Amino acid sequence: MKRCMFVDDSSVIRKVAKRILSGSNLLVVEAESGMHALAICENAMPDIIIVDSALEDIPTVDFIRRVRQIDSLLKPQVAICLTEFDLGAIMRAKRAGAQGYLLKPFTRPQLLERFRTLDAAA
């Protein structure tokens, strides 16, 4: 079973994502901040990380770089979650090590398709 982590300060976004993804052969882990997510990654690196583009405690690009620096055999697929299309933010995230992006609010089909894409890239 693959592990996915949703990093977002909104409990509503995390719960919606967890509800959509539960039962699709994924174990969904939630983190309400970048620092909490980094602690989770250091203990048990997830296969896929979806991170809000506007974390309150650490810039998202720094979060992605720090995840990439963690000594782990598993190198997760990372996507940022944006409220609007922002090519600059997407490119900065990709240069930091992200593989893609997702726009919110997301629908069930959009989220599942993004996960299929990330899983295929793994």
PDB file of N, CA and C in Angstrom:
ATOM      1  N   MET A   1       0.843  -1.179   0.000  1.00  0.00           N
ATOM      2  CA  MET A   1       0.000   0.000   0.000  1.00  0.00           C
ATOM      3  C   MET A   1       0.890   1.244   0.000  1.00  0.00           C
ATOM      4  N   LYS A   2       0.570   2.196  -0.866  1.00  0.00           N
ATOM      5  CA  LYS A   2       1.344   3.430  -0.951  1.00  0.00           C
ATOM      6  C   LYS A   2       0.851   4.422   0.095  1.00  0.00           C
ATOM      7  N   ARG A   3       1.802   5.254   0.542  1.00  0.00           N
ATOM      8  CA  ARG A   3       1.478   6.295   1.527  1.00  0.00           C
ATOM      9  C   ARG A   3       1.485   7.648   0.841  1.00  0.00           C
ATOM     10  N   CYS A   4       0.457   8.432   1.116  1.00  0.00           N
ATOM     11  CA  CYS A   4       0.339   9.775   0.589  1.00  0.00           C
ATOM     12  C   CYS A   4       0.209  10.740   1.757  1.00  0.00           C
ATOM     13  N   MET A   5       0.866  11.896   1.632  1.00  0.00           N
ATOM     14  CA  MET A   5       0.715  12.908   2.668  1.00  0.00           C
ATOM     15  C   MET A   5       0.163  14.185   2.038  1.00  0.00           C
ATOM     16  N   PHE A   6      -0.888  14.718   2.672  1.00  0.00           N
ATOM     17  CA  PHE A   6      -1.461  16.000   2.293  1.00  0.00           C
ATOM     18  C   PHE A   6      -1.009  17.027   3.316  1.00  0.00           C
ATOM     19  N   VAL A   7      -0.322  18.078   2.857  1.00  0.00           N
ATOM     20  CA  VAL A   7       0.176  19.133   3.735  1.00  0.00           C
ATOM     21  C   VAL A   7      -0.608  20.402   3.425  1.00  0.00           C
ATOM     22  N   ASP A   8      -1.471  20.787   4.349  1.00  0.00           N
ATOM     23  CA  ASP A   8      -2.307  21.972   4.143  1.00  0.00           C
ATOM     24  C   ASP A   8      -2.790  22.445   5.506  1.00  0.00           C
ATOM     25  N   ASP A   9      -2.803  23.759   5.717  1.00  0.00           N
ATOM     26  CA  ASP A   9      -3.262  24.271   7.009  1.00  0.00           C
ATOM     27  C   ASP A   9      -4.777  24.179   7.144  1.00  0.00           C
ATOM     28  N   SER A  10      -5.474  23.904   6.050  1.00  0.00           N
ATOM     29  CA  SER A  10      -6.933  23.766   6.092  1.00  0.00           C
ATOM     30  C   SER A  10      -7.321  22.326   6.395  1.00  0.00           C
ATOM     31  N   SER A  11      -7.967  22.133   7.544  1.00  0.00           N
ATOM     32  CA  SER A  11      -8.420  20.785   7.891  1.00  0.00           C
ATOM     33  C   SER A  11      -9.487  20.303   6.908  1.00  0.00           C
ATOM     34  N   VAL A  12     -10.250  21.228   6.334  1.00  0.00           N
ATOM     35  CA  VAL A  12     -11.290  20.856   5.376  1.00  0.00           C
ATOM     36  C   VAL A  12     -10.651  20.251   4.120  1.00  0.00           C
ATOM     37  N   ILE A  13      -9.619  20.899   3.587  1.00  0.00           N
ATOM     38  CA  ILE A  13      -8.935  20.383   2.387  1.00  0.00           C
ATOM     39  C   ILE A  13      -8.347  19.007   2.683  1.00  0.00           C
ATOM     40  N   ARG A  14      -7.689  18.862   3.834  1.00  0.00           N
ATOM     41  CA  ARG A  14      -7.076  17.566   4.184  1.00  0.00           C
ATOM     42  C   ARG A  14      -8.142  16.483   4.306  1.00  0.00           C
ATOM     43  N   LYS A  15      -9.244  16.779   4.953  1.00  0.00           N
ATOM     44  CA  LYS A  15     -10.293  15.770   5.154  1.00  0.00           C
ATOM     45  C   LYS A  15     -10.983  15.391   3.843  1.00  0.00           C
ATOM     46  N   VAL A  16     -11.219  16.376   2.972  1.00  0.00           N
ATOM     47  CA  VAL A  16     -11.816  16.080   1.673  1.00  0.00           C
ATOM     48  C   VAL A  16     -10.888  15.175   0.872  1.00  0.00           C
ATOM     49  N   ALA A  17      -9.613  15.517   0.834  1.00  0.00           N
ATOM     50  CA  ALA A  17      -8.643  14.697   0.106  1.00  0.00           C
ATOM     51  C   ALA A  17      -8.573  13.289   0.683  1.00  0.00           C
ATOM     52  N   LYS A  18      -8.571  13.192   2.005  1.00  0.00           N
ATOM     53  CA  LYS A  18      -8.509  11.879   2.647  1.00  0.00           C
ATOM     54  C   LYS A  18      -9.749  11.051   2.303  1.00  0.00           C
ATOM     55  N   ARG A  19     -10.904  11.683   2.316  1.00  0.00           N
ATOM     56  CA  ARG A  19     -12.148  10.975   1.991  1.00  0.00           C
ATOM     57  C   ARG A  19     -12.125  10.487   0.538  1.00  0.00           C
ATOM     58  N   ILE A  20     -11.644  11.317  -0.378  1.00  0.00           N
ATOM     59  CA  ILE A  20     -11.585  10.943  -1.795  1.00  0.00           C
ATOM     60  C   ILE A  20     -10.607   9.790  -2.011  1.00  0.00           C
ATOM     61  N   LEU A  21      -9.459   9.857  -1.366  1.00  0.00           N
ATOM     62  CA  LEU A  21      -8.392   8.892  -1.643  1.00  0.00           C
ATOM     63  C   LEU A  21      -8.467   7.616  -0.827  1.00  0.00           C
ATOM     64  N   SER A  22      -9.152   7.645   0.295  1.00  0.00           N
ATOM     65  CA  SER A  22      -9.241   6.439   1.119  1.00  0.00           C
ATOM     66  C   SER A  22      -9.925   5.326   0.336  1.00  0.00           C
ATOM     67  N   GLY A  23      -9.362   4.149   0.453  1.00  0.00           N
ATOM     68  CA  GLY A  23      -9.930   2.998  -0.238  1.00  0.00           C
ATOM     69  C   GLY A  23      -9.397   2.819  -1.637  1.00  0.00           C
ATOM     70  N   SER A  24      -8.511   3.717  -2.088  1.00  0.00           N
ATOM     71  CA  SER A  24      -7.943   3.579  -3.428  1.00  0.00           C
ATOM     72  C   SER A  24      -6.505   3.071  -3.343  1.00  0.00           C
ATOM     73  N   ASN A  25      -6.299   2.115  -2.439  1.00  0.00           N
ATOM     74  CA  ASN A  25      -4.988   1.500  -2.225  1.00  0.00           C
ATOM     75  C   ASN A  25      -3.945   2.512  -1.750  1.00  0.00           C
ATOM     76  N   LEU A  26      -4.397   3.536  -1.019  1.00  0.00           N
ATOM     77  CA  LEU A  26      -3.515   4.557  -0.459  1.00  0.00           C
ATOM     78  C   LEU A  26      -3.795   4.725   1.026  1.00  0.00           C
ATOM     79  N   LEU A  27      -2.738   4.895   1.780  1.00  0.00           N
ATOM     80  CA  LEU A  27      -2.857   5.299   3.179  1.00  0.00           C
ATOM     81  C   LEU A  27      -2.586   6.796   3.189  1.00  0.00           C
ATOM     82  N   VAL A  28      -3.553   7.592   3.608  1.00  0.00           N
ATOM     83  CA  VAL A  28      -3.426   9.050   3.575  1.00  0.00           C
ATOM     84  C   VAL A  28      -3.047   9.573   4.951  1.00  0.00           C
ATOM     85  N   VAL A  29      -1.964  10.334   4.985  1.00  0.00           N
ATOM     86  CA  VAL A  29      -1.457  10.958   6.200  1.00  0.00           C
ATOM     87  C   VAL A  29      -1.677  12.463   6.053  1.00  0.00           C
ATOM     88  N   GLU A  30      -2.053  13.120   7.145  1.00  0.00           N
ATOM     89  CA  GLU A  30      -2.296  14.557   7.115  1.00  0.00           C
ATOM     90  C   GLU A  30      -1.237  15.296   7.917  1.00  0.00           C
ATOM     91  N   ALA A  31      -0.868  16.494   7.427  1.00  0.00           N
ATOM     92  CA  ALA A  31       0.030  17.381   8.168  1.00  0.00           C
ATOM     93  C   ALA A  31      -0.515  18.797   8.035  1.00  0.00           C
ATOM     94  N   GLU A  32      -0.622  19.496   9.157  1.00  0.00           N
ATOM     95  CA  GLU A  32      -1.203  20.839   9.140  1.00  0.00           C
ATOM     96  C   GLU A  32      -0.168  21.933   8.926  1.00  0.00           C
ATOM     97  N   SER A  33       1.128  21.574   8.878  1.00  0.00           N
ATOM     98  CA  SER A  33       2.171  22.573   8.654  1.00  0.00           C
ATOM     99  C   SER A  33       3.365  21.914   7.965  1.00  0.00           C
ATOM    100  N   GLY A  34       4.222  22.753   7.427  1.00  0.00           N
ATOM    101  CA  GLY A  34       5.423  22.248   6.778  1.00  0.00           C
ATOM    102  C   GLY A  34       6.356  21.548   7.749  1.00  0.00           C
ATOM    103  N   MET A  35       6.516  22.108   8.936  1.00  0.00           N
ATOM    104  CA  MET A  35       7.417  21.497   9.920  1.00  0.00           C
ATOM    105  C   MET A  35       6.876  20.148  10.397  1.00  0.00           C
ATOM    106  N   HIS A  36       5.577  20.055  10.591  1.00  0.00           N
ATOM    107  CA  HIS A  36       4.967  18.783  10.971  1.00  0.00           C
ATOM    108  C   HIS A  36       5.198  17.756   9.863  1.00  0.00           C
ATOM    109  N   ALA A  37       5.020  18.182   8.613  1.00  0.00           N
ATOM    110  CA  ALA A  37       5.224  17.280   7.476  1.00  0.00           C
ATOM    111  C   ALA A  37       6.676  16.819   7.388  1.00  0.00           C
ATOM    112  N   LEU A  38       7.629  17.710   7.627  1.00  0.00           N
ATOM    113  CA  LEU A  38       9.041  17.321   7.590  1.00  0.00           C
ATOM    114  C   LEU A  38       9.350  16.280   8.661  1.00  0.00           C
ATOM    115  N   ALA A  39       8.762  16.436   9.840  1.00  0.00           N
ATOM    116  CA  ALA A  39       8.966  15.446  10.903  1.00  0.00           C
ATOM    117  C   ALA A  39       8.416  14.084  10.480  1.00  0.00           C
ATOM    118  N   ILE A  40       7.262  14.076   9.834  1.00  0.00           N
ATOM    119  CA  ILE A  40       6.690  12.820   9.340  1.00  0.00           C
ATOM    120  C   ILE A  40       7.618  12.201   8.298  1.00  0.00           C
ATOM    121  N   CYS A  41       8.123  13.018   7.381  1.00  0.00           N
ATOM    122  CA  CYS A  41       9.017  12.521   6.329  1.00  0.00           C
ATOM    123  C   CYS A  41      10.301  11.921   6.910  1.00  0.00           C
ATOM    124  N   GLU A  42      10.818  12.518   7.958  1.00  0.00           N
ATOM    125  CA  GLU A  42      12.045  11.998   8.567  1.00  0.00           C
ATOM    126  C   GLU A  42      11.811  10.637   9.216  1.00  0.00           C
ATOM    127  N   ASN A  43      10.602  10.406   9.707  1.00  0.00           N
ATOM    128  CA  ASN A  43      10.288   9.125  10.352  1.00  0.00           C
ATOM    129  C   ASN A  43       9.848   8.059   9.363  1.00  0.00           C
ATOM    130  N   ALA A  44       9.042   8.425   8.384  1.00  0.00           N
ATOM    131  CA  ALA A  44       8.522   7.466   7.402  1.00  0.00           C
ATOM    132  C   ALA A  44       8.133   8.233   6.141  1.00  0.00           C
ATOM    133  N   MET A  45       9.041   8.257   5.181  1.00  0.00           N
ATOM    134  CA  MET A  45       8.828   9.029   3.951  1.00  0.00           C
ATOM    135  C   MET A  45       7.631   8.477   3.173  1.00  0.00           C
ATOM    136  N   PRO A  46       6.671   9.353   2.820  1.00  0.00           N
ATOM    137  CA  PRO A  46       5.533   8.899   2.018  1.00  0.00           C
ATOM    138  C   PRO A  46       5.943   8.727   0.548  1.00  0.00           C
ATOM    139  N   ASP A  47       5.130   8.023  -0.214  1.00  0.00           N
ATOM    140  CA  ASP A  47       5.386   7.831  -1.642  1.00  0.00           C
ATOM    141  C   ASP A  47       5.021   9.073  -2.447  1.00  0.00           C
ATOM    142  N   ILE A  48       3.968   9.756  -2.001  1.00  0.00           N
ATOM    143  CA  ILE A  48       3.457  10.939  -2.701  1.00  0.00           C
ATOM    144  C   ILE A  48       3.178  12.026  -1.665  1.00  0.00           C
ATOM    145  N   ILE A  49       3.563  13.266  -1.999  1.00  0.00           N
ATOM    146  CA  ILE A  49       3.293  14.406  -1.123  1.00  0.00           C
ATOM    147  C   ILE A  49       2.575  15.469  -1.945  1.00  0.00           C
ATOM    148  N   ILE A  50       1.427  15.902  -1.443  1.00  0.00           N
ATOM    149  CA  ILE A  50       0.707  17.041  -2.023  1.00  0.00           C
ATOM    150  C   ILE A  50       0.822  18.157  -0.992  1.00  0.00           C
ATOM    151  N   VAL A  51       1.442  19.266  -1.392  1.00  0.00           N
ATOM    152  CA  VAL A  51       1.721  20.340  -0.449  1.00  0.00           C
ATOM    153  C   VAL A  51       1.094  21.645  -0.926  1.00  0.00           C
ATOM    154  N   ASP A  52       0.467  22.350   0.013  1.00  0.00           N
ATOM    155  CA  ASP A  52      -0.134  23.649  -0.275  1.00  0.00           C
ATOM    156  C   ASP A  52       0.960  24.607  -0.741  1.00  0.00           C
ATOM    157  N   SER A  53       0.624  25.437  -1.711  1.00  0.00           N
ATOM    158  CA  SER A  53       1.614  26.383  -2.243  1.00  0.00           C
ATOM    159  C   SER A  53       1.858  27.556  -1.311  1.00  0.00           C
ATOM    160  N   ALA A  54       1.063  27.690  -0.262  1.00  0.00           N
ATOM    161  CA  ALA A  54       1.197  28.820   0.664  1.00  0.00           C
ATOM    162  C   ALA A  54       1.209  28.323   2.107  1.00  0.00           C
ATOM    163  N   LEU A  55       2.254  27.590   2.468  1.00  0.00           N
ATOM    164  CA  LEU A  55       2.376  27.144   3.857  1.00  0.00           C
ATOM    165  C   LEU A  55       2.623  28.352   4.748  1.00  0.00           C
ATOM    166  N   GLU A  56       2.097  28.313   5.965  1.00  0.00           N
ATOM    167  CA  GLU A  56       2.248  29.447   6.875  1.00  0.00           C
ATOM    168  C   GLU A  56       3.603  29.477   7.580  1.00  0.00           C
ATOM    169  N   ASP A  57       4.222  28.311   7.781  1.00  0.00           N
ATOM    170  CA  ASP A  57       5.426  28.269   8.608  1.00  0.00           C
ATOM    171  C   ASP A  57       6.744  28.159   7.842  1.00  0.00           C
ATOM    172  N   ILE A  58       6.694  27.794   6.574  1.00  0.00           N
ATOM    173  CA  ILE A  58       7.910  27.636   5.783  1.00  0.00           C
ATOM    174  C   ILE A  58       7.534  27.819   4.312  1.00  0.00           C
ATOM    175  N   PRO A  59       8.362  28.519   3.534  1.00  0.00           N
ATOM    176  CA  PRO A  59       8.050  28.627   2.105  1.00  0.00           C
ATOM    177  C   PRO A  59       7.972  27.236   1.462  1.00  0.00           C
ATOM    178  N   THR A  60       6.999  27.028   0.617  1.00  0.00           N
ATOM    179  CA  THR A  60       6.783  25.720   0.007  1.00  0.00           C
ATOM    180  C   THR A  60       8.011  25.223  -0.743  1.00  0.00           C
ATOM    181  N   VAL A  61       8.705  26.113  -1.435  1.00  0.00           N
ATOM    182  CA  VAL A  61       9.914  25.723  -2.169  1.00  0.00           C
ATOM    183  C   VAL A  61      10.977  25.210  -1.193  1.00  0.00           C
ATOM    184  N   ASP A  62      11.118  25.857  -0.049  1.00  0.00           N
ATOM    185  CA  ASP A  62      12.067  25.394   0.968  1.00  0.00           C
ATOM    186  C   ASP A  62      11.642  24.032   1.514  1.00  0.00           C
ATOM    187  N   PHE A  63      10.348  23.854   1.712  1.00  0.00           N
ATOM    188  CA  PHE A  63       9.842  22.562   2.179  1.00  0.00           C
ATOM    189  C   PHE A  63      10.237  21.457   1.198  1.00  0.00           C
ATOM    190  N   ILE A  64      10.009  21.692  -0.101  1.00  0.00           N
ATOM    191  CA  ILE A  64      10.326  20.680  -1.111  1.00  0.00           C
ATOM    192  C   ILE A  64      11.822  20.377  -1.097  1.00  0.00           C
ATOM    193  N   ARG A  65      12.655  21.407  -1.031  1.00  0.00           N
ATOM    194  CA  ARG A  65      14.113  21.202  -0.985  1.00  0.00           C
ATOM    195  C   ARG A  65      14.518  20.387   0.247  1.00  0.00           C
ATOM    196  N   ARG A  66      13.910  20.702   1.381  1.00  0.00           N
ATOM    197  CA  ARG A  66      14.254  19.972   2.615  1.00  0.00           C
ATOM    198  C   ARG A  66      13.816  18.508   2.540  1.00  0.00           C
ATOM    199  N   VAL A  67      12.661  18.251   1.926  1.00  0.00           N
ATOM    200  CA  VAL A  67      12.233  16.863   1.732  1.00  0.00           C
ATOM    201  C   VAL A  67      13.260  16.132   0.879  1.00  0.00           C
ATOM    202  N   ARG A  68      13.733  16.774  -0.169  1.00  0.00           N
ATOM    203  CA  ARG A  68      14.717  16.160  -1.069  1.00  0.00           C
ATOM    204  C   ARG A  68      16.053  15.900  -0.372  1.00  0.00           C
ATOM    205  N   GLN A  69      16.354  16.648   0.687  1.00  0.00           N
ATOM    206  CA  GLN A  69      17.613  16.475   1.410  1.00  0.00           C
ATOM    207  C   GLN A  69      17.555  15.370   2.462  1.00  0.00           C
ATOM    208  N   ILE A  70      16.373  14.902   2.788  1.00  0.00           N
ATOM    209  CA  ILE A  70      16.238  13.849   3.790  1.00  0.00           C
ATOM    210  C   ILE A  70      16.809  12.550   3.233  1.00  0.00           C
ATOM    211  N   ASP A  71      17.669  11.927   4.021  1.00  0.00           N
ATOM    212  CA  ASP A  71      18.295  10.672   3.618  1.00  0.00           C
ATOM    213  C   ASP A  71      17.258   9.553   3.697  1.00  0.00           C
ATOM    214  N   SER A  72      16.766   9.148   2.537  1.00  0.00           N
ATOM    215  CA  SER A  72      15.733   8.116   2.472  1.00  0.00           C
ATOM    216  C   SER A  72      15.887   7.358   1.164  1.00  0.00           C
ATOM    217  N   LEU A  73      15.676   6.058   1.221  1.00  0.00           N
ATOM    218  CA  LEU A  73      15.699   5.267  -0.008  1.00  0.00           C
ATOM    219  C   LEU A  73      14.537   5.636  -0.915  1.00  0.00           C
ATOM    220  N   LEU A  74      13.439   6.056  -0.314  1.00  0.00           N
ATOM    221  CA  LEU A  74      12.240   6.430  -1.054  1.00  0.00           C
ATOM    222  C   LEU A  74      12.313   7.914  -1.431  1.00  0.00           C
ATOM    223  N   LYS A  75      12.184   8.199  -2.696  1.00  0.00           N
ATOM    224  CA  LYS A  75      12.143   9.577  -3.191  1.00  0.00           C
ATOM    225  C   LYS A  75      10.713   9.857  -3.639  1.00  0.00           C
ATOM    226  N   PRO A  76       9.962  10.606  -2.837  1.00  0.00           N
ATOM    227  CA  PRO A  76       8.532  10.782  -3.117  1.00  0.00           C
ATOM    228  C   PRO A  76       8.255  11.643  -4.343  1.00  0.00           C
ATOM    229  N   GLN A  77       7.106  11.398  -4.943  1.00  0.00           N
ATOM    230  CA  GLN A  77       6.576  12.288  -5.969  1.00  0.00           C
ATOM    231  C   GLN A  77       5.929  13.448  -5.217  1.00  0.00           C
ATOM    232  N   VAL A  78       6.200  14.683  -5.660  1.00  0.00           N
ATOM    233  CA  VAL A  78       5.681  15.866  -4.968  1.00  0.00           C
ATOM    234  C   VAL A  78       4.896  16.721  -5.951  1.00  0.00           C
ATOM    235  N   ALA A  79       3.740  17.197  -5.507  1.00  0.00           N
ATOM    236  CA  ALA A  79       2.946  18.141  -6.291  1.00  0.00           C
ATOM    237  C   ALA A  79       2.496  19.270  -5.367  1.00  0.00           C
ATOM    238  N   ILE A  80       2.498  20.485  -5.901  1.00  0.00           N
ATOM    239  CA  ILE A  80       1.993  21.607  -5.114  1.00  0.00           C
ATOM    240  C   ILE A  80       0.524  21.811  -5.437  1.00  0.00           C
ATOM    241  N   CYS A  81      -0.199  22.339  -4.467  1.00  0.00           N
ATOM    242  CA  CYS A  81      -1.630  22.576  -4.597  1.00  0.00           C
ATOM    243  C   CYS A  81      -1.851  24.095  -4.587  1.00  0.00           C
ATOM    244  N   LEU A  82      -2.388  24.601  -5.684  1.00  0.00           N
ATOM    245  CA  LEU A  82      -2.570  26.040  -5.877  1.00  0.00           C
ATOM    246  C   LEU A  82      -4.045  26.421  -5.912  1.00  0.00           C
ATOM    247  N   THR A  83      -4.359  27.663  -5.522  1.00  0.00           N
ATOM    248  CA  THR A  83      -5.734  28.145  -5.622  1.00  0.00           C
ATOM    249  C   THR A  83      -6.017  28.749  -6.993  1.00  0.00           C
ATOM    250  N   GLU A  84      -4.944  29.109  -7.718  1.00  0.00           N
ATOM    251  CA  GLU A  84      -5.078  29.600  -9.088  1.00  0.00           C
ATOM    252  C   GLU A  84      -3.814  29.255  -9.843  1.00  0.00           C
ATOM    253  N   PHE A  85      -3.934  29.155 -11.159  1.00  0.00           N
ATOM    254  CA  PHE A  85      -2.779  28.802 -11.980  1.00  0.00           C
ATOM    255  C   PHE A  85      -1.723  29.900 -11.865  1.00  0.00           C
ATOM    256  N   ASP A  86      -0.511  29.525 -11.454  1.00  0.00           N
ATOM    257  CA  ASP A  86       0.593  30.464 -11.288  1.00  0.00           C
ATOM    258  C   ASP A  86       1.844  29.798 -11.849  1.00  0.00           C
ATOM    259  N   LEU A  87       2.161  30.137 -13.098  1.00  0.00           N
ATOM    260  CA  LEU A  87       3.285  29.492 -13.776  1.00  0.00           C
ATOM    261  C   LEU A  87       4.594  29.690 -13.013  1.00  0.00           C
ATOM    262  N   GLY A  88       4.800  30.879 -12.453  1.00  0.00           N
ATOM    263  CA  GLY A  88       6.021  31.150 -11.692  1.00  0.00           C
ATOM    264  C   GLY A  88       6.160  30.222 -10.492  1.00  0.00           C
ATOM    265  N   ALA A  89       5.074  30.056  -9.736  1.00  0.00           N
ATOM    266  CA  ALA A  89       5.098  29.171  -8.565  1.00  0.00           C
ATOM    267  C   ALA A  89       5.330  27.722  -8.978  1.00  0.00           C
ATOM    268  N   ILE A  90       4.709  27.320 -10.086  1.00  0.00           N
ATOM    269  CA  ILE A  90       4.882  25.949 -10.570  1.00  0.00           C
ATOM    270  C   ILE A  90       6.335  25.713 -10.973  1.00  0.00           C
ATOM    271  N   MET A  91       6.924  26.652 -11.689  1.00  0.00           N
ATOM    272  CA  MET A  91       8.316  26.495 -12.136  1.00  0.00           C
ATOM    273  C   MET A  91       9.280  26.501 -10.950  1.00  0.00           C
ATOM    274  N   ARG A  92       9.052  27.369  -9.962  1.00  0.00           N
ATOM    275  CA  ARG A  92       9.915  27.372  -8.762  1.00  0.00           C
ATOM    276  C   ARG A  92       9.820  26.041  -8.040  1.00  0.00           C
ATOM    277  N   ALA A  93       8.600  25.506  -7.934  1.00  0.00           N
ATOM    278  CA  ALA A  93       8.410  24.214  -7.261  1.00  0.00           C
ATOM    279  C   ALA A  93       9.099  23.097  -8.038  1.00  0.00           C
ATOM    280  N   LYS A  94       8.999  23.124  -9.356  1.00  0.00           N
ATOM    281  CA  LYS A  94       9.649  22.091 -10.169  1.00  0.00           C
ATOM    282  C   LYS A  94      11.169  22.172 -10.044  1.00  0.00           C
ATOM    283  N   ARG A  95      11.711  23.383 -10.024  1.00  0.00           N
ATOM    284  CA  ARG A  95      13.169  23.527  -9.843  1.00  0.00           C
ATOM    285  C   ARG A  95      13.603  23.013  -8.475  1.00  0.00           C
ATOM    286  N   ALA A  96      12.710  23.100  -7.482  1.00  0.00           N
ATOM    287  CA  ALA A  96      13.021  22.602  -6.134  1.00  0.00           C
ATOM    288  C   ALA A  96      12.879  21.082  -6.031  1.00  0.00           C
ATOM    289  N   GLY A  97      12.199  20.467  -7.020  1.00  0.00           N
ATOM    290  CA  GLY A  97      12.068  19.012  -7.001  1.00  0.00           C
ATOM    291  C   GLY A  97      10.660  18.469  -7.095  1.00  0.00           C
ATOM    292  N   ALA A  98       9.666  19.334  -7.324  1.00  0.00           N
ATOM    293  CA  ALA A  98       8.285  18.862  -7.479  1.00  0.00           C
ATOM    294  C   ALA A  98       8.080  18.308  -8.884  1.00  0.00           C
ATOM    295  N   GLN A  99       7.117  17.404  -9.008  1.00  0.00           N
ATOM    296  CA  GLN A  99       6.813  16.817 -10.305  1.00  0.00           C
ATOM    297  C   GLN A  99       5.571  17.412 -10.961  1.00  0.00           C
ATOM    298  N   GLY A 100       4.736  18.106 -10.198  1.00  0.00           N
ATOM    299  CA  GLY A 100       3.518  18.623 -10.799  1.00  0.00           C
ATOM    300  C   GLY A 100       2.745  19.536  -9.867  1.00  0.00           C
ATOM    301  N   TYR A 101       1.517  19.820 -10.259  1.00  0.00           N
ATOM    302  CA  TYR A 101       0.666  20.704  -9.474  1.00  0.00           C
ATOM    303  C   TYR A 101      -0.777  20.232  -9.573  1.00  0.00           C
ATOM    304  N   LEU A 102      -1.593  20.773  -8.682  1.00  0.00           N
ATOM    305  CA  LEU A 102      -3.016  20.478  -8.609  1.00  0.00           C
ATOM    306  C   LEU A 102      -3.714  21.771  -8.224  1.00  0.00           C
ATOM    307  N   LEU A 103      -4.833  22.069  -8.885  1.00  0.00           N
ATOM    308  CA  LEU A 103      -5.596  23.271  -8.538  1.00  0.00           C
ATOM    309  C   LEU A 103      -6.707  22.917  -7.568  1.00  0.00           C
ATOM    310  N   LYS A 104      -6.918  23.783  -6.576  1.00  0.00           N
ATOM    311  CA  LYS A 104      -8.031  23.582  -5.662  1.00  0.00           C
ATOM    312  C   LYS A 104      -9.001  24.739  -5.800  1.00  0.00           C
ATOM    313  N   PRO A 105     -10.264  24.505  -5.601  1.00  0.00           N
ATOM    314  CA  PRO A 105     -10.810  23.245  -5.091  1.00  0.00           C
ATOM    315  C   PRO A 105     -10.755  22.170  -6.170  1.00  0.00           C
ATOM    316  N   PHE A 106     -10.430  20.964  -5.755  1.00  0.00           N
ATOM    317  CA  PHE A 106     -10.326  19.859  -6.694  1.00  0.00           C
ATOM    318  C   PHE A 106     -11.548  18.964  -6.572  1.00  0.00           C
ATOM    319  N   THR A 107     -11.814  18.273  -7.660  1.00  0.00           N
ATOM    320  CA  THR A 107     -12.908  17.304  -7.677  1.00  0.00           C
ATOM    321  C   THR A 107     -12.303  15.913  -7.523  1.00  0.00           C
ATOM    322  N   ARG A 108     -13.147  14.964  -7.244  1.00  0.00           N
ATOM    323  CA  ARG A 108     -12.695  13.574  -7.126  1.00  0.00           C
ATOM    324  C   ARG A 108     -11.964  13.109  -8.393  1.00  0.00           C
ATOM    325  N   PRO A 109     -12.548  13.300  -9.605  1.00  0.00           N
ATOM    326  CA  PRO A 109     -11.838  12.857 -10.813  1.00  0.00           C
ATOM    327  C   PRO A 109     -10.480  13.557 -11.003  1.00  0.00           C
ATOM    328  N   GLN A 110     -10.410  14.856 -10.702  1.00  0.00           N
ATOM    329  CA  GLN A 110      -9.141  15.583 -10.854  1.00  0.00           C
ATOM    330  C   GLN A 110      -8.078  15.036  -9.909  1.00  0.00           C
ATOM    331  N   LEU A 111      -8.456  14.816  -8.674  1.00  0.00           N
ATOM    332  CA  LEU A 111      -7.499  14.331  -7.687  1.00  0.00           C
ATOM    333  C   LEU A 111      -7.034  12.920  -8.033  1.00  0.00           C
ATOM    334  N   LEU A 112      -7.943  12.057  -8.392  1.00  0.00           N
ATOM    335  CA  LEU A 112      -7.567  10.684  -8.744  1.00  0.00           C
ATOM    336  C   LEU A 112      -6.688  10.648  -9.997  1.00  0.00           C
ATOM    337  N   GLU A 113      -6.974  11.509 -10.970  1.00  0.00           N
ATOM    338  CA  GLU A 113      -6.147  11.566 -12.181  1.00  0.00           C
ATOM    339  C   GLU A 113      -4.740  12.058 -11.850  1.00  0.00           C
ATOM    340  N   ARG A 114      -4.637  13.056 -10.995  1.00  0.00           N
ATOM    341  CA  ARG A 114      -3.309  13.559 -10.603  1.00  0.00           C
ATOM    342  C   ARG A 114      -2.522  12.446  -9.921  1.00  0.00           C
ATOM    343  N   PHE A 115      -3.177  11.666  -9.094  1.00  0.00           N
ATOM    344  CA  PHE A 115      -2.484  10.567  -8.416  1.00  0.00           C
ATOM    345  C   PHE A 115      -2.053   9.485  -9.393  1.00  0.00           C
ATOM    346  N   ARG A 116      -2.883   9.216 -10.386  1.00  0.00           N
ATOM    347  CA  ARG A 116      -2.467   8.244 -11.415  1.00  0.00           C
ATOM    348  C   ARG A 116      -1.230   8.753 -12.143  1.00  0.00           C
ATOM    349  N   THR A 117      -1.199  10.043 -12.466  1.00  0.00           N
ATOM    350  CA  THR A 117      -0.061  10.637 -13.151  1.00  0.00           C
ATOM    351  C   THR A 117       1.193  10.571 -12.277  1.00  0.00           C
ATOM    352  N   LEU A 118       1.073  10.939 -11.003  1.00  0.00           N
ATOM    353  CA  LEU A 118       2.223  10.904 -10.100  1.00  0.00           C
ATOM    354  C   LEU A 118       2.703   9.472  -9.888  1.00  0.00           C
ATOM    355  N   ASP A 119       1.776   8.552  -9.755  1.00  0.00           N
ATOM    356  CA  ASP A 119       2.139   7.141  -9.536  1.00  0.00           C
ATOM    357  C   ASP A 119       2.873   6.587 -10.759  1.00  0.00           C
ATOM    358  N   ALA A 120       2.439   6.968 -11.947  1.00  0.00           N
ATOM    359  CA  ALA A 120       3.084   6.498 -13.178  1.00  0.00           C
ATOM    360  C   ALA A 120       4.489   7.060 -13.304  1.00  0.00           C
ATOM    361  N   ALA A 121       4.711   8.239 -12.724  1.00  0.00           N
ATOM    362  CA  ALA A 121       6.043   8.873 -12.809  1.00  0.00           C
ATOM    363  C   ALA A 121       7.003   8.277 -11.800  1.00  0.00           C
ATOM    364  N   ALA A 122       6.499   7.547 -10.821  1.00  0.00           N
ATOM    365  CA  ALA A 122       7.367   7.006  -9.766  1.00  0.00           C
ATOM    366  C   ALA A 122       8.280   5.915 -10.282  1.00  0.00           C
TER     367      ALA A 122
END
